[in-house]
Amino acid sequence: MPLNREILINRMHNLLLMSTDLRHANERGLGMPSTAIVLVGHGSRRLSYGEDIEGLVDYVRGRLGLPVYLAYNEYMSPDWRSVLARVVGDGFGRVVIGLVFLGRGNHVVRDIMGFLGVGRFNSWVRTVVGGREVEVYVTEPLATSPLVALSLYYRLARALGVFPALDGVVEDPMEIEGRSMSAILSRLDVGDERVRRVVARAVFASGNVEIARFVRVRDIDAGIEALSWRRDSD
């Protein structure tokens, strides 16, 4: 099935919204101060490999507001096992292992998940690191992400000249969100500003302006109160 560019971009928007909400939650002190992220790449004898992925650390840290460490499985330092031991030793009780791998090869299944004693992706699992019981969460390899598929498609399509050059195209996710929301809000005929923004978010998340005709918002104050209660209880 051909890739639907608009659907994939809308999925990217949804992921951006979630990461932005988490970043803001951490800024308000509502996040997970005992949680750290360890990005694990394969490693290489060629230094340019590390240079290519080091930018991921700043990108993730800036959006999630949590401690982020970059480590490798082999050939390069630091080794992810030593980084994990140090992170746990520093008092972090929850660690997300962010896999910078495309597929479920031996390095992922044997070297990483086998070492951790973890049998599934995308779940918090209790394990023991350095004699201390902690929770770890191993992210799924990247090949299953529609955003990775979209990125590969763009590179191939550009090589084949099947779509115009990207000159003038907005690539910054925050700017894309801002422009998209402004365009949606300008098309909504809703009197109450708070309701208007709720409807706009629904349109933004679905990528379908027509959905606005079917969204009904009742007792928005009760909804805000419920969300505040959930936030405080967390």
Protein backbone atom coordinates (compact mmCIF):
# COMPACT_ATOMS: atom_id res chain seq x y z
CA MET A 1 0.00 0.00 0.00
CA PRO A 2 1.45 3.44 -0.92
CA LEU A 3 2.44 5.67 1.95
CA ASN A 4 -0.17 8.31 2.74
CA ARG A 5 1.94 11.37 3.43
CA GLU A 6 -0.81 13.32 5.21
CA ILE A 7 -1.71 10.46 7.56
CA LEU A 8 1.92 9.95 8.51
CA ILE A 9 2.47 13.64 9.13
CA ASN A 10 -0.65 13.76 11.30
CA ARG A 11 0.73 10.88 13.34
CA MET A 12 3.91 12.90 13.79
CA HIS A 13 1.78 15.79 15.07
CA ASN A 14 0.14 13.52 17.64
CA LEU A 15 3.50 12.29 18.88
CA LEU A 16 4.70 15.88 19.12
CA LEU A 17 1.69 16.81 21.23
CA MET A 18 2.41 14.01 23.67
CA SER A 19 6.09 14.93 23.98
CA THR A 20 5.24 18.61 24.43
CA ASP A 21 2.74 17.78 27.19
CA LEU A 22 5.35 15.66 28.99
CA ARG A 23 7.97 18.40 28.72
CA HIS A 24 5.55 20.94 30.20
CA ALA A 25 4.57 18.50 32.95
CA ASN A 26 8.19 18.13 33.96
CA GLU A 27 8.65 21.90 33.96
CA ARG A 28 5.73 22.11 36.43
CA GLY A 29 7.27 19.41 38.60
CA LEU A 30 4.63 16.86 37.59
CA GLY A 31 6.90 14.48 35.69
CA MET A 32 8.98 11.54 36.82
CA PRO A 33 12.10 12.84 38.60
CA SER A 34 13.33 9.28 39.26
CA THR A 35 13.27 8.41 35.55
CA ALA A 36 16.23 8.57 33.17
CA ILE A 37 16.61 7.73 29.49
CA VAL A 38 19.52 5.77 28.03
CA LEU A 39 19.72 5.85 24.24
CA VAL A 40 21.56 2.76 22.99
CA GLY A 41 23.14 2.67 19.55
CA HIS A 42 25.07 -0.13 17.89
CA GLY A 43 28.45 1.59 17.90
CA SER A 44 31.12 1.59 15.22
CA ARG A 45 34.87 1.76 14.70
CA ARG A 46 34.20 4.85 12.60
CA LEU A 47 33.86 8.00 14.73
CA SER A 48 31.43 9.61 12.29
CA TYR A 49 28.80 7.13 13.49
CA GLY A 50 28.78 8.70 16.94
CA GLU A 51 28.75 12.19 15.47
CA ASP A 52 25.66 11.32 13.43
CA ILE A 53 23.56 10.28 16.40
CA GLU A 54 24.84 12.55 19.18
CA GLY A 55 22.31 15.18 18.14
CA LEU A 56 19.53 12.83 19.25
CA VAL A 57 20.46 13.43 22.88
CA ASP A 58 19.85 17.19 22.79
CA TYR A 59 16.68 16.70 20.74
CA VAL A 60 15.14 14.21 23.18
CA ARG A 61 16.31 16.00 26.32
CA GLY A 62 14.92 19.32 25.11
CA ARG A 63 11.47 17.86 24.52
CA LEU A 64 11.11 15.50 27.46
CA GLY A 65 12.95 17.39 30.16
CA LEU A 66 14.51 14.23 31.60
CA PRO A 67 18.14 13.14 31.97
CA VAL A 68 19.26 11.53 28.69
CA TYR A 69 22.45 9.52 28.16
CA LEU A 70 23.90 8.16 24.93
CA ALA A 71 25.69 4.79 25.03
CA TYR A 72 26.67 2.00 22.67
CA ASN A 73 26.48 -1.77 22.48
CA GLU A 74 29.97 -2.31 21.12
CA TYR A 75 33.07 -0.69 19.60
CA MET A 76 32.43 2.76 21.12
CA SER A 77 32.33 4.25 24.60
CA PRO A 78 30.53 4.51 26.88
CA ASP A 79 29.17 1.00 27.01
CA TRP A 80 25.44 1.02 27.75
CA ARG A 81 25.79 -1.53 30.55
CA SER A 82 28.16 0.70 32.50
CA VAL A 83 25.98 3.74 31.85
CA LEU A 84 22.91 1.87 33.09
CA ALA A 85 24.76 0.78 36.23
CA ARG A 86 25.85 4.35 36.90
CA VAL A 87 22.34 5.71 36.34
CA VAL A 88 20.85 3.19 38.74
CA GLY A 89 23.63 3.88 41.21
CA ASP A 90 22.73 7.57 41.06
CA GLY A 91 19.28 6.71 42.37
CA PHE A 92 17.10 6.45 39.28
CA GLY A 93 14.47 3.79 39.82
CA ARG A 94 13.00 3.83 36.31
CA VAL A 95 15.05 3.75 33.12
CA VAL A 96 13.85 3.92 29.54
CA ILE A 97 16.19 2.12 27.15
CA GLY A 98 15.70 3.97 23.87
CA LEU A 99 16.88 1.68 21.09
CA VAL A 100 18.67 3.43 18.23
CA PHE A 101 18.35 0.26 16.16
CA LEU A 102 16.18 -0.42 13.12
CA GLY A 103 15.23 -4.05 13.68
CA ARG A 104 15.04 -6.92 16.16
CA GLY A 105 18.46 -8.43 15.52
CA ASN A 106 20.78 -10.30 17.87
CA HIS A 107 22.15 -7.13 19.42
CA VAL A 108 18.66 -6.06 20.47
CA VAL A 109 17.23 -9.43 21.47
CA ARG A 110 20.34 -11.13 22.86
CA ASP A 111 22.75 -8.40 23.96
CA ILE A 112 20.27 -5.88 25.36
CA MET A 113 16.99 -7.57 26.21
CA GLY A 114 18.70 -10.80 27.21
CA PHE A 115 21.10 -8.95 29.50
CA LEU A 116 18.21 -7.12 31.13
CA GLY A 117 16.02 -10.20 31.39
CA VAL A 118 13.26 -8.38 29.51
CA GLY A 119 11.02 -10.30 27.13
CA ARG A 120 8.86 -7.60 25.57
CA PHE A 121 9.05 -4.09 24.18
CA ASN A 122 7.11 -1.01 25.22
CA SER A 123 6.33 -2.18 28.75
CA TRP A 124 7.65 -1.37 32.20
CA VAL A 125 9.33 -4.49 33.58
CA ARG A 126 11.01 -5.00 36.92
CA THR A 127 14.58 -6.28 36.78
CA VAL A 128 17.77 -6.18 38.82
CA VAL A 129 20.70 -3.93 37.90
CA GLY A 130 23.80 -3.90 40.10
CA GLY A 131 21.93 -5.65 42.90
CA ARG A 132 19.12 -3.11 42.90
CA GLU A 133 15.58 -3.76 41.70
CA VAL A 134 14.47 -1.18 39.14
CA GLU A 135 11.94 -0.77 36.37
CA VAL A 136 13.11 -0.69 32.77
CA TYR A 137 11.23 0.06 29.58
CA VAL A 138 12.77 -1.00 26.26
CA THR A 139 11.42 0.86 23.26
CA GLU A 140 10.57 -0.95 20.05
CA PRO A 141 13.19 -0.76 17.25
CA LEU A 142 12.64 2.05 14.80
CA ALA A 143 11.76 0.20 11.59
CA THR A 144 8.10 -0.20 12.61
CA SER A 145 7.63 3.57 12.99
CA PRO A 146 5.67 5.25 10.18
CA LEU A 147 7.90 8.29 10.64
CA VAL A 148 10.99 6.25 9.78
CA ALA A 149 9.18 4.90 6.72
CA LEU A 150 8.23 8.44 5.76
CA SER A 151 11.81 9.65 6.16
CA LEU A 152 13.12 6.83 3.97
CA TYR A 153 10.43 7.54 1.40
CA TYR A 154 11.41 11.22 1.25
CA ARG A 155 15.05 10.38 0.65
CA LEU A 156 14.23 7.91 -2.10
CA ALA A 157 11.65 10.17 -3.68
CA ARG A 158 14.09 13.08 -3.70
CA ALA A 159 16.70 10.90 -5.42
CA LEU A 160 14.16 9.89 -8.05
CA GLY A 161 12.78 13.40 -8.47
CA VAL A 162 9.18 12.31 -7.91
CA PHE A 163 8.26 15.31 -5.77
CA PRO A 164 9.39 18.95 -5.70
CA ALA A 165 12.43 20.06 -3.73
CA LEU A 166 11.86 20.91 -0.07
CA ASP A 167 13.00 24.52 -0.42
CA GLY A 168 10.68 26.74 1.63
CA VAL A 169 9.01 23.78 3.35
CA VAL A 170 8.58 24.15 7.12
CA GLU A 171 10.36 21.29 8.87
CA ASP A 172 10.40 22.46 12.49
CA PRO A 173 7.70 20.44 14.34
CA MET A 174 6.76 23.28 16.69
CA GLU A 175 6.26 25.68 13.80
CA ILE A 176 4.23 23.06 11.93
CA GLU A 177 1.99 22.69 14.98
CA GLY A 178 1.58 26.43 15.41
CA ARG A 179 0.72 27.06 11.77
CA SER A 180 -1.63 24.09 11.66
CA MET A 181 -3.52 25.19 14.76
CA SER A 182 -3.82 28.76 13.46
CA ALA A 183 -5.23 27.51 10.18
CA ILE A 184 -7.71 25.21 11.94
CA LEU A 185 -8.88 27.87 14.39
CA SER A 186 -9.49 30.32 11.55
CA ARG A 187 -11.91 27.84 9.96
CA LEU A 188 -13.93 26.99 13.06
CA ASP A 189 -17.18 28.81 13.70
CA VAL A 190 -17.42 28.20 17.46
CA GLY A 191 -18.37 30.99 19.86
CA ASP A 192 -16.82 29.78 23.13
CA GLU A 193 -13.05 30.16 22.84
CA ARG A 194 -12.28 27.23 25.15
CA VAL A 195 -14.63 24.92 23.26
CA ARG A 196 -13.16 26.20 20.01
CA ARG A 197 -9.69 25.15 21.10
CA VAL A 198 -10.87 21.72 22.22
CA VAL A 199 -12.49 21.17 18.82
CA ALA A 200 -9.33 22.46 17.12
CA ARG A 201 -7.25 19.90 18.99
CA ALA A 202 -9.58 17.12 17.85
CA VAL A 203 -9.22 18.30 14.25
CA PHE A 204 -5.46 18.57 14.63
CA ALA A 205 -5.13 15.07 16.09
CA SER A 206 -7.32 13.48 13.40
CA GLY A 207 -6.07 15.54 10.46
CA ASN A 208 -9.69 15.89 9.34
CA VAL A 209 -11.40 19.30 9.42
CA GLU A 210 -14.78 17.67 8.80
CA ILE A 211 -14.67 16.04 12.22
CA ALA A 212 -15.46 19.44 13.76
CA ARG A 213 -19.09 19.00 12.68
CA PHE A 214 -19.43 15.95 14.91
CA VAL A 215 -17.58 17.09 18.04
CA ARG A 216 -19.84 18.03 20.95
CA VAL A 217 -18.32 19.54 24.10
CA ARG A 218 -20.47 19.61 27.25
CA ASP A 219 -19.57 21.00 30.67
CA ILE A 220 -16.00 21.92 29.85
CA ASP A 221 -15.41 23.14 33.42
CA ALA A 222 -16.10 19.64 34.75
CA GLY A 223 -13.64 18.24 32.24
CA ILE A 224 -10.94 20.68 33.29
CA GLU A 225 -11.60 19.87 36.94
CA ALA A 226 -11.31 16.14 36.24
CA LEU A 227 -8.01 16.60 34.42
CA SER A 228 -6.71 18.75 37.28
CA TRP A 229 -7.70 16.09 39.79
CA ARG A 230 -5.91 13.42 37.77
CA ARG A 231 -2.82 15.62 37.52
CA ASP A 232 -2.75 16.30 41.24
CA SER A 233 -3.32 12.64 42.11
CA ASP A 234 -0.37 11.62 39.92
